[in-house]
Amino acid sequence: MQRKRKARPPELRRTKGGYDSGFERILHKTVLKGWQHHGDQIQYVVEHKYEPDFVKEVEGKQILIEAKGRFWDHAEYNKYVWIQKVLPDNTELVFLFADPELPMPLAKKRKDGTKRSHAEWADSNKFRWYTADTIPEEWRTNEKESEVE
């Protein structure tokens, strides 16, 4: 059985004056009175590593293919937007969707009853995307190439 969450005491609730909490307000009015409150902003980056599913150079451009059956959550699909921002000019991240019409996770229904699809997400974020059937012919491995590998 889950215990009911205890309500915050009134003196610690979010308050006016730019304080994130009552605790901040109390500190600023007492022991940290001479300190600047929320004076500076510090930008930071959380480093991650991305390993694309497939990589090949095509006409002097590095193509990274991410094969997706589906996206599972916001964190997963949002990371690709961040990856796209740091890719060099000669590199492109392209999606290969199993079913581009699948709805995005947690997508809300529109007035017409549809939900935002994987394809619509890719288009709106300026990603090129294909299915196994629509992938460009020059990207496909022909029979002679596959025998050599």
C-alpha atoms as a PDB file:
ATOM      1  CA  MET A   1       0.000   0.000   0.000  1.00  0.00           C
ATOM      2  CA  GLN A   2       1.360   3.384  -1.008  1.00  0.00           C
ATOM      3  CA  ARG A   3       1.462   6.088   1.626  1.00  0.00           C
ATOM      4  CA  LYS A   4      -0.251   9.358   0.853  1.00  0.00           C
ATOM      5  CA  ARG A   5       2.197  12.146   0.112  1.00  0.00           C
ATOM      6  CA  LYS A   6       2.487  14.731   2.818  1.00  0.00           C
ATOM      7  CA  ALA A   7       1.653  18.297   1.737  1.00  0.00           C
ATOM      8  CA  ARG A   8       4.474  20.848   1.808  1.00  0.00           C
ATOM      9  CA  PRO A   9       4.286  23.234   4.715  1.00  0.00           C
ATOM     10  CA  PRO A  10       3.091  26.696   3.590  1.00  0.00           C
ATOM     11  CA  GLU A  11       6.441  28.341   4.320  1.00  0.00           C
ATOM     12  CA  LEU A  12       8.186  25.998   1.846  1.00  0.00           C
ATOM     13  CA  ARG A  13       5.727  26.305  -1.033  1.00  0.00           C
ATOM     14  CA  ARG A  14       6.715  28.074  -4.252  1.00  0.00           C
ATOM     15  CA  THR A  15       6.689  31.772  -3.596  1.00  0.00           C
ATOM     16  CA  LYS A  16       6.696  35.056  -5.483  1.00  0.00           C
ATOM     17  CA  GLY A  17       9.834  37.060  -6.052  1.00  0.00           C
ATOM     18  CA  GLY A  18      11.669  34.673  -8.369  1.00  0.00           C
ATOM     19  CA  TYR A  19      12.293  31.994  -5.757  1.00  0.00           C
ATOM     20  CA  ASP A  20      11.983  28.359  -6.808  1.00  0.00           C
ATOM     21  CA  SER A  21      10.927  27.336  -3.328  1.00  0.00           C
ATOM     22  CA  GLY A  22      10.088  28.667   0.071  1.00  0.00           C
ATOM     23  CA  PHE A  23      13.388  27.248   1.262  1.00  0.00           C
ATOM     24  CA  GLU A  24      15.276  29.499  -1.189  1.00  0.00           C
ATOM     25  CA  ARG A  25      13.268  32.496  -0.011  1.00  0.00           C
ATOM     26  CA  ILE A  26      13.972  31.753   3.653  1.00  0.00           C
ATOM     27  CA  LEU A  27      17.709  31.304   3.001  1.00  0.00           C
ATOM     28  CA  HIS A  28      17.912  34.521   0.978  1.00  0.00           C
ATOM     29  CA  LYS A  29      16.137  36.498   3.669  1.00  0.00           C
ATOM     30  CA  THR A  30      18.267  35.046   6.507  1.00  0.00           C
ATOM     31  CA  VAL A  31      21.667  33.308   6.320  1.00  0.00           C
ATOM     32  CA  LEU A  32      22.338  34.155   2.632  1.00  0.00           C
ATOM     33  CA  LYS A  33      20.938  37.692   2.736  1.00  0.00           C
ATOM     34  CA  GLY A  34      24.009  39.305   1.141  1.00  0.00           C
ATOM     35  CA  TRP A  35      24.174  36.788  -1.706  1.00  0.00           C
ATOM     36  CA  GLN A  36      22.933  37.408  -5.244  1.00  0.00           C
ATOM     37  CA  HIS A  37      19.931  35.192  -5.997  1.00  0.00           C
ATOM     38  CA  HIS A  38      19.714  33.547  -9.450  1.00  0.00           C
ATOM     39  CA  GLY A  39      22.331  35.972 -10.726  1.00  0.00           C
ATOM     40  CA  ASP A  40      24.193  33.889 -13.272  1.00  0.00           C
ATOM     41  CA  GLN A  41      23.278  31.286 -15.833  1.00  0.00           C
ATOM     42  CA  ILE A  42      25.781  28.587 -16.687  1.00  0.00           C
ATOM     43  CA  GLN A  43      25.379  26.632 -19.886  1.00  0.00           C
ATOM     44  CA  TYR A  44      26.383  22.977 -19.786  1.00  0.00           C
ATOM     45  CA  VAL A  45      26.402  19.984 -22.056  1.00  0.00           C
ATOM     46  CA  VAL A  46      25.813  16.381 -21.123  1.00  0.00           C
ATOM     47  CA  GLU A  47      27.998  14.252 -23.381  1.00  0.00           C
ATOM     48  CA  HIS A  48      26.637  11.091 -24.925  1.00  0.00           C
ATOM     49  CA  LYS A  49      27.784   8.729 -27.641  1.00  0.00           C
ATOM     50  CA  TYR A  50      25.683   7.681 -30.601  1.00  0.00           C
ATOM     51  CA  GLU A  51      26.299   4.591 -32.676  1.00  0.00           C
ATOM     52  CA  PRO A  52      24.290   4.592 -35.917  1.00  0.00           C
ATOM     53  CA  ASP A  53      22.838   1.316 -37.143  1.00  0.00           C
ATOM     54  CA  PHE A  54      24.390   1.579 -40.629  1.00  0.00           C
ATOM     55  CA  VAL A  55      27.060   3.846 -42.131  1.00  0.00           C
ATOM     56  CA  LYS A  56      28.169   4.311 -45.734  1.00  0.00           C
ATOM     57  CA  GLU A  57      29.715   7.027 -47.842  1.00  0.00           C
ATOM     58  CA  VAL A  58      27.490   7.938 -50.773  1.00  0.00           C
ATOM     59  CA  GLU A  59      28.696  10.464 -53.346  1.00  0.00           C
ATOM     60  CA  GLY A  60      31.183  11.999 -50.897  1.00  0.00           C
ATOM     61  CA  LYS A  61      28.626  12.293 -48.113  1.00  0.00           C
ATOM     62  CA  GLN A  62      28.584  10.153 -44.957  1.00  0.00           C
ATOM     63  CA  ILE A  63      25.107   8.634 -44.542  1.00  0.00           C
ATOM     64  CA  LEU A  64      24.089   7.357 -41.110  1.00  0.00           C
ATOM     65  CA  ILE A  65      21.018   5.150 -41.173  1.00  0.00           C
ATOM     66  CA  GLU A  66      18.936   4.670 -38.066  1.00  0.00           C
ATOM     67  CA  ALA A  67      16.598   1.688 -38.505  1.00  0.00           C
ATOM     68  CA  LYS A  68      13.463   2.201 -36.427  1.00  0.00           C
ATOM     69  CA  GLY A  69      10.616  -0.164 -35.778  1.00  0.00           C
ATOM     70  CA  ARG A  70       9.161   2.522 -33.526  1.00  0.00           C
ATOM     71  CA  PHE A  71      10.095   5.233 -31.071  1.00  0.00           C
ATOM     72  CA  TRP A  72       9.425   4.339 -27.443  1.00  0.00           C
ATOM     73  CA  ASP A  73       9.508   7.698 -25.678  1.00  0.00           C
ATOM     74  CA  HIS A  74      10.262  11.418 -25.948  1.00  0.00           C
ATOM     75  CA  ALA A  75      13.839  11.030 -24.701  1.00  0.00           C
ATOM     76  CA  GLU A  76      14.600   8.550 -27.474  1.00  0.00           C
ATOM     77  CA  TYR A  77      13.311  10.593 -30.403  1.00  0.00           C
ATOM     78  CA  ASN A  78      14.518  13.896 -28.983  1.00  0.00           C
ATOM     79  CA  LYS A  79      18.124  12.647 -28.902  1.00  0.00           C
ATOM     80  CA  TYR A  80      18.142  12.458 -32.708  1.00  0.00           C
ATOM     81  CA  VAL A  81      17.354  16.167 -32.942  1.00  0.00           C
ATOM     82  CA  TRP A  82      20.408  16.863 -30.755  1.00  0.00           C
ATOM     83  CA  ILE A  83      22.570  14.459 -32.775  1.00  0.00           C
ATOM     84  CA  GLN A  84      21.520  16.192 -35.992  1.00  0.00           C
ATOM     85  CA  LYS A  85      22.669  19.547 -34.588  1.00  0.00           C
ATOM     86  CA  VAL A  86      26.255  18.346 -34.028  1.00  0.00           C
ATOM     87  CA  LEU A  87      26.786  16.391 -37.245  1.00  0.00           C
ATOM     88  CA  PRO A  88      29.361  17.782 -39.689  1.00  0.00           C
ATOM     89  CA  ASP A  89      28.045  19.287 -42.938  1.00  0.00           C
ATOM     90  CA  ASN A  90      29.071  16.225 -44.969  1.00  0.00           C
ATOM     91  CA  THR A  91      27.125  13.826 -42.704  1.00  0.00           C
ATOM     92  CA  GLU A  92      23.380  13.118 -42.699  1.00  0.00           C
ATOM     93  CA  LEU A  93      21.245  11.082 -40.342  1.00  0.00           C
ATOM     94  CA  VAL A  94      18.507   9.261 -42.264  1.00  0.00           C
ATOM     95  CA  PHE A  95      15.711   7.123 -40.815  1.00  0.00           C
ATOM     96  CA  LEU A  96      14.629   3.797 -42.211  1.00  0.00           C
ATOM     97  CA  PHE A  97      11.180   3.177 -40.708  1.00  0.00           C
ATOM     98  CA  ALA A  98       9.506  -0.220 -40.552  1.00  0.00           C
ATOM     99  CA  ASP A  99       6.140   1.573 -40.527  1.00  0.00           C
ATOM    100  CA  PRO A 100       6.334   5.367 -40.950  1.00  0.00           C
ATOM    101  CA  GLU A 101       2.615   5.760 -40.209  1.00  0.00           C
ATOM    102  CA  LEU A 102       2.905   4.449 -36.633  1.00  0.00           C
ATOM    103  CA  PRO A 103       1.845   7.087 -34.105  1.00  0.00           C
ATOM    104  CA  MET A 104       4.491   8.796 -32.008  1.00  0.00           C
ATOM    105  CA  PRO A 105       4.569   7.830 -28.321  1.00  0.00           C
ATOM    106  CA  LEU A 106       2.150   9.863 -26.214  1.00  0.00           C
ATOM    107  CA  ALA A 107       0.841  11.645 -29.324  1.00  0.00           C
ATOM    108  CA  LYS A 108      -2.492  13.321 -28.736  1.00  0.00           C
ATOM    109  CA  LYS A 109      -5.430  12.675 -31.010  1.00  0.00           C
ATOM    110  CA  ARG A 110      -6.202  15.439 -33.460  1.00  0.00           C
ATOM    111  CA  LYS A 111      -9.683  16.636 -34.247  1.00  0.00           C
ATOM    112  CA  ASP A 112      -9.781  14.242 -37.202  1.00  0.00           C
ATOM    113  CA  GLY A 113      -8.897  11.312 -34.908  1.00  0.00           C
ATOM    114  CA  THR A 114      -5.361  10.788 -36.235  1.00  0.00           C
ATOM    115  CA  LYS A 115      -2.114  11.059 -34.281  1.00  0.00           C
ATOM    116  CA  ARG A 116       1.254  12.453 -35.344  1.00  0.00           C
ATOM    117  CA  SER A 117       3.156   9.717 -37.161  1.00  0.00           C
ATOM    118  CA  HIS A 118       6.850   8.841 -37.235  1.00  0.00           C
ATOM    119  CA  ALA A 119       6.996  10.184 -40.803  1.00  0.00           C
ATOM    120  CA  GLU A 120       5.436  13.510 -39.778  1.00  0.00           C
ATOM    121  CA  TRP A 121       7.902  13.819 -36.901  1.00  0.00           C
ATOM    122  CA  ALA A 122      10.839  13.178 -39.266  1.00  0.00           C
ATOM    123  CA  ASP A 123       9.527  15.691 -41.812  1.00  0.00           C
ATOM    124  CA  SER A 124       8.963  18.390 -39.211  1.00  0.00           C
ATOM    125  CA  ASN A 125      12.510  17.902 -37.880  1.00  0.00           C
ATOM    126  CA  LYS A 126      14.007  17.950 -41.395  1.00  0.00           C
ATOM    127  CA  PHE A 127      15.134  14.311 -41.423  1.00  0.00           C
ATOM    128  CA  ARG A 128      15.075  12.350 -44.628  1.00  0.00           C
ATOM    129  CA  TRP A 129      13.367   8.997 -44.154  1.00  0.00           C
ATOM    130  CA  TYR A 130      12.586   5.867 -46.134  1.00  0.00           C
ATOM    131  CA  THR A 131      11.141   2.397 -45.733  1.00  0.00           C
ATOM    132  CA  ALA A 132      12.847  -0.795 -46.861  1.00  0.00           C
ATOM    133  CA  ASP A 133      10.764  -0.536 -50.047  1.00  0.00           C
ATOM    134  CA  THR A 134      11.529   3.124 -50.806  1.00  0.00           C
ATOM    135  CA  ILE A 135      15.237   3.320 -49.955  1.00  0.00           C
ATOM    136  CA  PRO A 136      17.132   4.794 -52.946  1.00  0.00           C
ATOM    137  CA  GLU A 137      18.301   2.224 -55.463  1.00  0.00           C
ATOM    138  CA  GLU A 138      21.923   3.457 -55.291  1.00  0.00           C
ATOM    139  CA  TRP A 139      21.950   2.762 -51.529  1.00  0.00           C
ATOM    140  CA  ARG A 140      20.904  -0.835 -51.970  1.00  0.00           C
ATOM    141  CA  THR A 141      23.487  -3.588 -51.984  1.00  0.00           C
ATOM    142  CA  ASN A 142      23.300  -5.481 -55.243  1.00  0.00           C
ATOM    143  CA  GLU A 143      23.879  -9.231 -55.465  1.00  0.00           C
ATOM    144  CA  LYS A 144      27.492  -8.888 -56.701  1.00  0.00           C
ATOM    145  CA  GLU A 145      28.444  -6.652 -53.741  1.00  0.00           C
ATOM    146  CA  SER A 146      26.832  -8.975 -51.196  1.00  0.00           C
ATOM    147  CA  GLU A 147      28.782 -11.987 -52.586  1.00  0.00           C
ATOM    148  CA  VAL A 148      32.090 -10.146 -52.044  1.00  0.00           C
ATOM    149  CA  GLU A 149      31.334  -9.331 -48.427  1.00  0.00           C
END
